[in-house]
Amino acid sequence: MSVYVARYTRLHPQLWGPYSITAYPHGFHDWPPELADPVWTPNARVITAGGAASQPLADCATLDAAIDACWAHFATLDQQGCRSC
């Protein structure tokens, strides 16, 4: 799904490598139907002092919100003292 998101949405090519977005179109597993709203989970792949890590950014209700979370994280990388893979 993240390849589809990268190719067919406004996810900038600069975000393809260090970020991934996982889609849960019917909510998380085993949720009751009335609570099964779509969830988009963006993750950042970063290198920290402790080594490489995958950092979940948020649970978002829309794809646009997930992409915005990636951009917001990307903007803070210099402030955090880490760099994307």
PDB file of N, CA and C in Angstrom:
ATOM      1  N   MET A   1       0.818  -1.192   0.000  1.00  0.00           N
ATOM      2  CA  MET A   1       0.000   0.000   0.000  1.00  0.00           C
ATOM      3  C   MET A   1       0.862   1.257   0.000  1.00  0.00           C
ATOM      4  N   SER A   2       1.985   1.261   0.705  1.00  0.00           N
ATOM      5  CA  SER A   2       2.783   2.482   0.750  1.00  0.00           C
ATOM      6  C   SER A   2       3.357   2.829  -0.616  1.00  0.00           C
ATOM      7  N   VAL A   3       3.628   1.826  -1.467  1.00  0.00           N
ATOM      8  CA  VAL A   3       4.089   2.119  -2.826  1.00  0.00           C
ATOM      9  C   VAL A   3       2.973   2.822  -3.591  1.00  0.00           C
ATOM     10  N   TYR A   4       1.752   2.353  -3.466  1.00  0.00           N
ATOM     11  CA  TYR A   4       0.612   3.005  -4.112  1.00  0.00           C
ATOM     12  C   TYR A   4       0.480   4.446  -3.626  1.00  0.00           C
ATOM     13  N   VAL A   5       0.571   4.642  -2.309  1.00  0.00           N
ATOM     14  CA  VAL A   5       0.451   5.984  -1.740  1.00  0.00           C
ATOM     15  C   VAL A   5       1.533   6.889  -2.301  1.00  0.00           C
ATOM     16  N   ALA A   6       2.754   6.396  -2.383  1.00  0.00           N
ATOM     17  CA  ALA A   6       3.870   7.201  -2.879  1.00  0.00           C
ATOM     18  C   ALA A   6       3.684   7.575  -4.345  1.00  0.00           C
ATOM     19  N   ARG A   7       3.200   6.659  -5.155  1.00  0.00           N
ATOM     20  CA  ARG A   7       3.115   6.904  -6.597  1.00  0.00           C
ATOM     21  C   ARG A   7       1.886   7.688  -7.020  1.00  0.00           C
ATOM     22  N   TYR A   8       0.782   7.515  -6.342  1.00  0.00           N
ATOM     23  CA  TYR A   8      -0.483   8.044  -6.842  1.00  0.00           C
ATOM     24  C   TYR A   8      -1.105   9.127  -5.961  1.00  0.00           C
ATOM     25  N   THR A   9      -0.340   9.691  -5.067  1.00  0.00           N
ATOM     26  CA  THR A   9      -0.833  10.794  -4.247  1.00  0.00           C
ATOM     27  C   THR A   9       0.183  11.916  -4.298  1.00  0.00           C
ATOM     28  N   ARG A  10      -0.032  12.932  -3.481  1.00  0.00           N
ATOM     29  CA  ARG A  10       0.882  14.058  -3.474  1.00  0.00           C
ATOM     30  C   ARG A  10       2.069  13.843  -2.533  1.00  0.00           C
ATOM     31  N   LEU A  11       2.347  12.607  -2.135  1.00  0.00           N
ATOM     32  CA  LEU A  11       3.521  12.332  -1.306  1.00  0.00           C
ATOM     33  C   LEU A  11       4.763  12.619  -2.135  1.00  0.00           C
ATOM     34  N   HIS A  12       5.512  13.582  -1.729  1.00  0.00           N
ATOM     35  CA  HIS A  12       6.680  14.059  -2.465  1.00  0.00           C
ATOM     36  C   HIS A  12       7.743  12.961  -2.527  1.00  0.00           C
ATOM     37  N   PRO A  13       8.467  12.827  -3.649  1.00  0.00           N
ATOM     38  CA  PRO A  13       9.513  11.797  -3.745  1.00  0.00           C
ATOM     39  C   PRO A  13      10.554  11.884  -2.630  1.00  0.00           C
ATOM     40  N   GLN A  14      10.778  13.071  -2.077  1.00  0.00           N
ATOM     41  CA  GLN A  14      11.735  13.226  -0.983  1.00  0.00           C
ATOM     42  C   GLN A  14      11.294  12.453   0.263  1.00  0.00           C
ATOM     43  N   LEU A  15      10.000  12.149   0.372  1.00  0.00           N
ATOM     44  CA  LEU A  15       9.492  11.426   1.534  1.00  0.00           C
ATOM     45  C   LEU A  15       9.388   9.922   1.299  1.00  0.00           C
ATOM     46  N   TRP A  16       9.607   9.445   0.081  1.00  0.00           N
ATOM     47  CA  TRP A  16       9.397   8.022  -0.210  1.00  0.00           C
ATOM     48  C   TRP A  16      10.307   7.128   0.610  1.00  0.00           C
ATOM     49  N   GLY A  17      11.590   7.443   0.688  1.00  0.00           N
ATOM     50  CA  GLY A  17      12.536   6.584   1.396  1.00  0.00           C
ATOM     51  C   GLY A  17      12.369   6.592   2.903  1.00  0.00           C
ATOM     52  N   PRO A  18      12.369   7.779   3.524  1.00  0.00           N
ATOM     53  CA  PRO A  18      12.359   7.791   4.984  1.00  0.00           C
ATOM     54  C   PRO A  18      10.984   7.616   5.621  1.00  0.00           C
ATOM     55  N   TYR A  19       9.925   7.575   4.831  1.00  0.00           N
ATOM     56  CA  TYR A  19       8.586   7.477   5.412  1.00  0.00           C
ATOM     57  C   TYR A  19       7.785   6.367   4.745  1.00  0.00           C
ATOM     58  N   SER A  20       6.889   5.794   5.517  1.00  0.00           N
ATOM     59  CA  SER A  20       5.928   4.841   4.968  1.00  0.00           C
ATOM     60  C   SER A  20       4.572   5.161   5.584  1.00  0.00           C
ATOM     61  N   ILE A  21       3.524   4.835   4.867  1.00  0.00           N
ATOM     62  CA  ILE A  21       2.170   5.036   5.366  1.00  0.00           C
ATOM     63  C   ILE A  21       1.423   3.722   5.198  1.00  0.00           C
ATOM     64  N   THR A  22       0.907   3.214   6.299  1.00  0.00           N
ATOM     65  CA  THR A  22       0.131   1.982   6.277  1.00  0.00           C
ATOM     66  C   THR A  22      -1.346   2.346   6.354  1.00  0.00           C
ATOM     67  N   ALA A  23      -2.141   1.738   5.499  1.00  0.00           N
ATOM     68  CA  ALA A  23      -3.583   2.009   5.475  1.00  0.00           C
ATOM     69  C   ALA A  23      -4.341   0.853   6.110  1.00  0.00           C
ATOM     70  N   TYR A  24      -5.276   1.198   6.963  1.00  0.00           N
ATOM     71  CA  TYR A  24      -6.237   0.250   7.517  1.00  0.00           C
ATOM     72  C   TYR A  24      -7.615   0.759   7.078  1.00  0.00           C
ATOM     73  N   PRO A  25      -8.081   0.365   5.882  1.00  0.00           N
ATOM     74  CA  PRO A  25      -9.308   0.962   5.337  1.00  0.00           C
ATOM     75  C   PRO A  25     -10.559   0.669   6.152  1.00  0.00           C
ATOM     76  N   HIS A  26     -10.536  -0.373   6.955  1.00  0.00           N
ATOM     77  CA  HIS A  26     -11.708  -0.724   7.764  1.00  0.00           C
ATOM     78  C   HIS A  26     -11.371  -0.697   9.243  1.00  0.00           C
ATOM     79  N   GLY A  27     -10.458   0.184   9.648  1.00  0.00           N
ATOM     80  CA  GLY A  27     -10.055   0.248  11.047  1.00  0.00           C
ATOM     81  C   GLY A  27      -9.075  -0.864  11.367  1.00  0.00           C
ATOM     82  N   PHE A  28      -8.724  -0.956  12.624  1.00  0.00           N
ATOM     83  CA  PHE A  28      -7.784  -1.984  13.049  1.00  0.00           C
ATOM     84  C   PHE A  28      -8.482  -3.334  13.147  1.00  0.00           C
ATOM     85  N   HIS A  29      -7.706  -4.396  13.246  1.00  0.00           N
ATOM     86  CA  HIS A  29      -8.240  -5.758  13.260  1.00  0.00           C
ATOM     87  C   HIS A  29      -9.253  -5.960  14.385  1.00  0.00           C
ATOM     88  N   ASP A  30     -10.315  -6.660  14.062  1.00  0.00           N
ATOM     89  CA  ASP A  30     -11.345  -7.075  15.016  1.00  0.00           C
ATOM     90  C   ASP A  30     -12.076  -5.915  15.684  1.00  0.00           C
ATOM     91  N   TRP A  31     -12.120  -4.769  15.047  1.00  0.00           N
ATOM     92  CA  TRP A  31     -12.915  -3.673  15.594  1.00  0.00           C
ATOM     93  C   TRP A  31     -14.368  -3.891  15.213  1.00  0.00           C
ATOM     94  N   PRO A  32     -15.297  -3.493  16.070  1.00  0.00           N
ATOM     95  CA  PRO A  32     -16.713  -3.587  15.702  1.00  0.00           C
ATOM     96  C   PRO A  32     -16.993  -2.704  14.484  1.00  0.00           C
ATOM     97  N   PRO A  33     -17.923  -3.098  13.623  1.00  0.00           N
ATOM     98  CA  PRO A  33     -18.190  -2.340  12.395  1.00  0.00           C
ATOM     99  C   PRO A  33     -18.500  -0.859  12.633  1.00  0.00           C
ATOM    100  N   GLU A  34     -19.182  -0.533  13.731  1.00  0.00           N
ATOM    101  CA  GLU A  34     -19.527   0.875  13.974  1.00  0.00           C
ATOM    102  C   GLU A  34     -18.307   1.723  14.359  1.00  0.00           C
ATOM    103  N   LEU A  35     -17.199   1.086  14.720  1.00  0.00           N
ATOM    104  CA  LEU A  35     -15.972   1.810  15.071  1.00  0.00           C
ATOM    105  C   LEU A  35     -14.884   1.661  14.018  1.00  0.00           C
ATOM    106  N   ALA A  36     -15.203   0.986  12.927  1.00  0.00           N
ATOM    107  CA  ALA A  36     -14.187   0.644  11.931  1.00  0.00           C
ATOM    108  C   ALA A  36     -14.015   1.746  10.889  1.00  0.00           C
ATOM    109  N   ASP A  37     -13.617   2.915  11.332  1.00  0.00           N
ATOM    110  CA  ASP A  37     -13.307   4.002  10.407  1.00  0.00           C
ATOM    111  C   ASP A  37     -11.909   3.794   9.843  1.00  0.00           C
ATOM    112  N   PRO A  38     -11.641   4.312   8.647  1.00  0.00           N
ATOM    113  CA  PRO A  38     -10.292   4.177   8.074  1.00  0.00           C
ATOM    114  C   PRO A  38      -9.237   4.825   8.971  1.00  0.00           C
ATOM    115  N   VAL A  39      -8.080   4.192   9.030  1.00  0.00           N
ATOM    116  CA  VAL A  39      -6.954   4.714   9.805  1.00  0.00           C
ATOM    117  C   VAL A  39      -5.723   4.671   8.914  1.00  0.00           C
ATOM    118  N   TRP A  40      -4.973   5.763   8.874  1.00  0.00           N
ATOM    119  CA  TRP A  40      -3.716   5.866   8.141  1.00  0.00           C
ATOM    120  C   TRP A  40      -2.623   6.056   9.178  1.00  0.00           C
ATOM    121  N   THR A  41      -1.601   5.203   9.147  1.00  0.00           N
ATOM    122  CA  THR A  41      -0.533   5.266  10.132  1.00  0.00           C
ATOM    123  C   THR A  41       0.792   5.576   9.446  1.00  0.00           C
ATOM    124  N   PRO A  42       1.270   6.826   9.542  1.00  0.00           N
ATOM    125  CA  PRO A  42       2.575   7.159   8.977  1.00  0.00           C
ATOM    126  C   PRO A  42       3.698   6.770   9.937  1.00  0.00           C
ATOM    127  N   ASN A  43       4.805   6.293   9.379  1.00  0.00           N
ATOM    128  CA  ASN A  43       5.987   5.926  10.161  1.00  0.00           C
ATOM    129  C   ASN A  43       7.207   6.591   9.546  1.00  0.00           C
ATOM    130  N   ALA A  44       8.144   6.963  10.401  1.00  0.00           N
ATOM    131  CA  ALA A  44       9.410   7.538   9.947  1.00  0.00           C
ATOM    132  C   ALA A  44      10.524   6.547  10.232  1.00  0.00           C
ATOM    133  N   ARG A  45      11.404   6.362   9.262  1.00  0.00           N
ATOM    134  CA  ARG A  45      12.597   5.543   9.469  1.00  0.00           C
ATOM    135  C   ARG A  45      13.744   6.517   9.713  1.00  0.00           C
ATOM    136  N   VAL A  46      14.268   6.511  10.941  1.00  0.00           N
ATOM    137  CA  VAL A  46      15.284   7.485  11.335  1.00  0.00           C
ATOM    138  C   VAL A  46      16.507   6.785  11.914  1.00  0.00           C
ATOM    139  N   ILE A  47      17.608   7.498  11.910  1.00  0.00           N
ATOM    140  CA  ILE A  47      18.822   7.038  12.575  1.00  0.00           C
ATOM    141  C   ILE A  47      19.028   7.933  13.784  1.00  0.00           C
ATOM    142  N   THR A  48      19.082   7.328  14.949  1.00  0.00           N
ATOM    143  CA  THR A  48      19.284   8.058  16.195  1.00  0.00           C
ATOM    144  C   THR A  48      20.619   7.638  16.793  1.00  0.00           C
ATOM    145  N   ALA A  49      20.940   8.171  17.947  1.00  0.00           N
ATOM    146  CA  ALA A  49      22.176   7.795  18.632  1.00  0.00           C
ATOM    147  C   ALA A  49      22.199   6.299  18.943  1.00  0.00           C
ATOM    148  N   GLY A  50      21.039   5.702  19.119  1.00  0.00           N
ATOM    149  CA  GLY A  50      20.942   4.275  19.415  1.00  0.00           C
ATOM    150  C   GLY A  50      20.906   3.385  18.184  1.00  0.00           C
ATOM    151  N   GLY A  51      20.903   3.964  16.994  1.00  0.00           N
ATOM    152  CA  GLY A  51      20.856   3.192  15.753  1.00  0.00           C
ATOM    153  C   GLY A  51      19.594   3.483  14.961  1.00  0.00           C
ATOM    154  N   ALA A  52      19.340   2.635  13.966  1.00  0.00           N
ATOM    155  CA  ALA A  52      18.168   2.815  13.107  1.00  0.00           C
ATOM    156  C   ALA A  52      16.896   2.450  13.865  1.00  0.00           C
ATOM    157  N   ALA A  53      15.835   3.196  13.588  1.00  0.00           N
ATOM    158  CA  ALA A  53      14.567   2.952  14.274  1.00  0.00           C
ATOM    159  C   ALA A  53      13.406   3.342  13.371  1.00  0.00           C
ATOM    160  N   SER A  54      12.279   2.684  13.587  1.00  0.00           N
ATOM    161  CA  SER A  54      11.035   3.067  12.936  1.00  0.00           C
ATOM    162  C   SER A  54      10.189   3.761  13.992  1.00  0.00           C
ATOM    163  N   GLN A  55       9.755   4.963  13.686  1.00  0.00           N
ATOM    164  CA  GLN A  55       9.032   5.776  14.651  1.00  0.00           C
ATOM    165  C   GLN A  55       7.619   6.042  14.147  1.00  0.00           C
ATOM    166  N   PRO A  56       6.589   5.495  14.829  1.00  0.00           N
ATOM    167  CA  PRO A  56       5.223   5.818  14.421  1.00  0.00           C
ATOM    168  C   PRO A  56       4.940   7.292  14.703  1.00  0.00           C
ATOM    169  N   LEU A  57       4.282   7.960  13.772  1.00  0.00           N
ATOM    170  CA  LEU A  57       4.036   9.390  13.925  1.00  0.00           C
ATOM    171  C   LEU A  57       2.653   9.702  14.479  1.00  0.00           C
ATOM    172  N   ALA A  58       1.641   8.959  14.059  1.00  0.00           N
ATOM    173  CA  ALA A  58       0.276   9.250  14.497  1.00  0.00           C
ATOM    174  C   ALA A  58      -0.671   8.217  13.902  1.00  0.00           C
ATOM    175  N   ASP A  59      -1.884   8.195  14.383  1.00  0.00           N
ATOM    176  CA  ASP A  59      -2.980   7.492  13.729  1.00  0.00           C
ATOM    177  C   ASP A  59      -3.860   8.578  13.134  1.00  0.00           C
ATOM    178  N   CYS A  60      -3.968   8.608  11.819  1.00  0.00           N
ATOM    179  CA  CYS A  60      -4.657   9.700  11.130  1.00  0.00           C
ATOM    180  C   CYS A  60      -5.949   9.203  10.497  1.00  0.00           C
ATOM    181  N   ALA A  61      -6.927  10.082  10.453  1.00  0.00           N
ATOM    182  CA  ALA A  61      -8.224   9.726   9.884  1.00  0.00           C
ATOM    183  C   ALA A  61      -8.246   9.817   8.364  1.00  0.00           C
ATOM    184  N   THR A  62      -7.308  10.575   7.778  1.00  0.00           N
ATOM    185  CA  THR A  62      -7.288  10.731   6.325  1.00  0.00           C
ATOM    186  C   THR A  62      -5.869  10.569   5.804  1.00  0.00           C
ATOM    187  N   LEU A  63      -5.764  10.272   4.525  1.00  0.00           N
ATOM    188  CA  LEU A  63      -4.454  10.181   3.891  1.00  0.00           C
ATOM    189  C   LEU A  63      -3.752  11.534   3.917  1.00  0.00           C
ATOM    190  N   ASP A  64      -4.493  12.608   3.671  1.00  0.00           N
ATOM    191  CA  ASP A  64      -3.883  13.939   3.706  1.00  0.00           C
ATOM    192  C   ASP A  64      -3.289  14.245   5.073  1.00  0.00           C
ATOM    193  N   ALA A  65      -3.975  13.854   6.137  1.00  0.00           N
ATOM    194  CA  ALA A  65      -3.445  14.077   7.486  1.00  0.00           C
ATOM    195  C   ALA A  65      -2.173  13.264   7.708  1.00  0.00           C
ATOM    196  N   ALA A  66      -2.113  12.056   7.166  1.00  0.00           N
ATOM    197  CA  ALA A  66      -0.912  11.224   7.297  1.00  0.00           C
ATOM    198  C   ALA A  66       0.265  11.841   6.543  1.00  0.00           C
ATOM    199  N   ILE A  67       0.010  12.352   5.340  1.00  0.00           N
ATOM    200  CA  ILE A  67       1.069  13.012   4.574  1.00  0.00           C
ATOM    201  C   ILE A  67       1.536  14.264   5.303  1.00  0.00           C
ATOM    202  N   ASP A  68       0.607  15.025   5.860  1.00  0.00           N
ATOM    203  CA  ASP A  68       0.980  16.214   6.628  1.00  0.00           C
ATOM    204  C   ASP A  68       1.825  15.847   7.845  1.00  0.00           C
ATOM    205  N   ALA A  69       1.528  14.710   8.478  1.00  0.00           N
ATOM    206  CA  ALA A  69       2.337  14.260   9.614  1.00  0.00           C
ATOM    207  C   ALA A  69       3.761  13.940   9.172  1.00  0.00           C
ATOM    208  N   CYS A  70       3.918  13.363   7.981  1.00  0.00           N
ATOM    209  CA  CYS A  70       5.261  13.097   7.448  1.00  0.00           C
ATOM    210  C   CYS A  70       6.019  14.401   7.231  1.00  0.00           C
ATOM    211  N   TRP A  71       5.356  15.385   6.617  1.00  0.00           N
ATOM    212  CA  TRP A  71       6.010  16.679   6.372  1.00  0.00           C
ATOM    213  C   TRP A  71       6.350  17.375   7.682  1.00  0.00           C
ATOM    214  N   ALA A  72       5.459  17.310   8.657  1.00  0.00           N
ATOM    215  CA  ALA A  72       5.723  17.951   9.951  1.00  0.00           C
ATOM    216  C   ALA A  72       6.939  17.320  10.622  1.00  0.00           C
ATOM    217  N   HIS A  73       7.042  15.993  10.555  1.00  0.00           N
ATOM    218  CA  HIS A  73       8.203  15.320  11.127  1.00  0.00           C
ATOM    219  C   HIS A  73       9.462  15.680  10.359  1.00  0.00           C
ATOM    220  N   PHE A  74       9.381  15.693   9.043  1.00  0.00           N
ATOM    221  CA  PHE A  74      10.524  16.018   8.196  1.00  0.00           C
ATOM    222  C   PHE A  74      11.072  17.405   8.541  1.00  0.00           C
ATOM    223  N   ALA A  75      10.188  18.346   8.825  1.00  0.00           N
ATOM    224  CA  ALA A  75      10.598  19.712   9.151  1.00  0.00           C
ATOM    225  C   ALA A  75      11.334  19.800  10.481  1.00  0.00           C
ATOM    226  N   THR A  76      11.158  18.814  11.358  1.00  0.00           N
ATOM    227  CA  THR A  76      11.797  18.863  12.676  1.00  0.00           C
ATOM    228  C   THR A  76      13.098  18.082  12.752  1.00  0.00           C
ATOM    229  N   LEU A  77      13.522  17.433  11.675  1.00  0.00           N
ATOM    230  CA  LEU A  77      14.700  16.566  11.755  1.00  0.00           C
ATOM    231  C   LEU A  77      15.948  17.309  12.209  1.00  0.00           C
ATOM    232  N   ASP A  78      16.195  18.508  11.715  1.00  0.00           N
ATOM    233  CA  ASP A  78      17.370  19.260  12.140  1.00  0.00           C
ATOM    234  C   ASP A  78      17.299  19.615  13.615  1.00  0.00           C
ATOM    235  N   GLN A  79      16.105  19.869  14.117  1.00  0.00           N
ATOM    236  CA  GLN A  79      15.928  20.230  15.517  1.00  0.00           C
ATOM    237  C   GLN A  79      16.146  19.036  16.436  1.00  0.00           C
ATOM    238  N   GLN A  80      15.850  17.819  15.971  1.00  0.00           N
ATOM    239  CA  GLN A  80      15.973  16.623  16.798  1.00  0.00           C
ATOM    240  C   GLN A  80      17.384  16.065  16.814  1.00  0.00           C
ATOM    241  N   GLY A  81      18.227  16.510  15.926  1.00  0.00           N
ATOM    242  CA  GLY A  81      19.581  15.982  15.878  1.00  0.00           C
ATOM    243  C   GLY A  81      19.667  14.598  15.266  1.00  0.00           C
ATOM    244  N   CYS A  82      18.712  14.244  14.430  1.00  0.00           N
ATOM    245  CA  CYS A  82      18.771  12.953  13.752  1.00  0.00           C
ATOM    246  C   CYS A  82      18.547  13.190  12.268  1.00  0.00           C
ATOM    247  N   ARG A  83      18.809  12.170  11.478  1.00  0.00           N
ATOM    248  CA  ARG A  83      18.618  12.314  10.040  1.00  0.00           C
ATOM    249  C   ARG A  83      17.857  11.111   9.520  1.00  0.00           C
ATOM    250  N   SER A  84      17.186  11.300   8.416  1.00  0.00           N
ATOM    251  CA  SER A  84      16.430  10.192   7.834  1.00  0.00           C
ATOM    252  C   SER A  84      17.379   9.222   7.153  1.00  0.00           C
ATOM    253  N   CYS A  85      16.944   7.975   7.048  1.00  0.00           N
ATOM    254  CA  CYS A  85      17.760   6.934   6.412  1.00  0.00           C
ATOM    255  C   CYS A  85      17.975   7.251   4.954  1.00  0.00           C
TER     256      CYS A  85
END
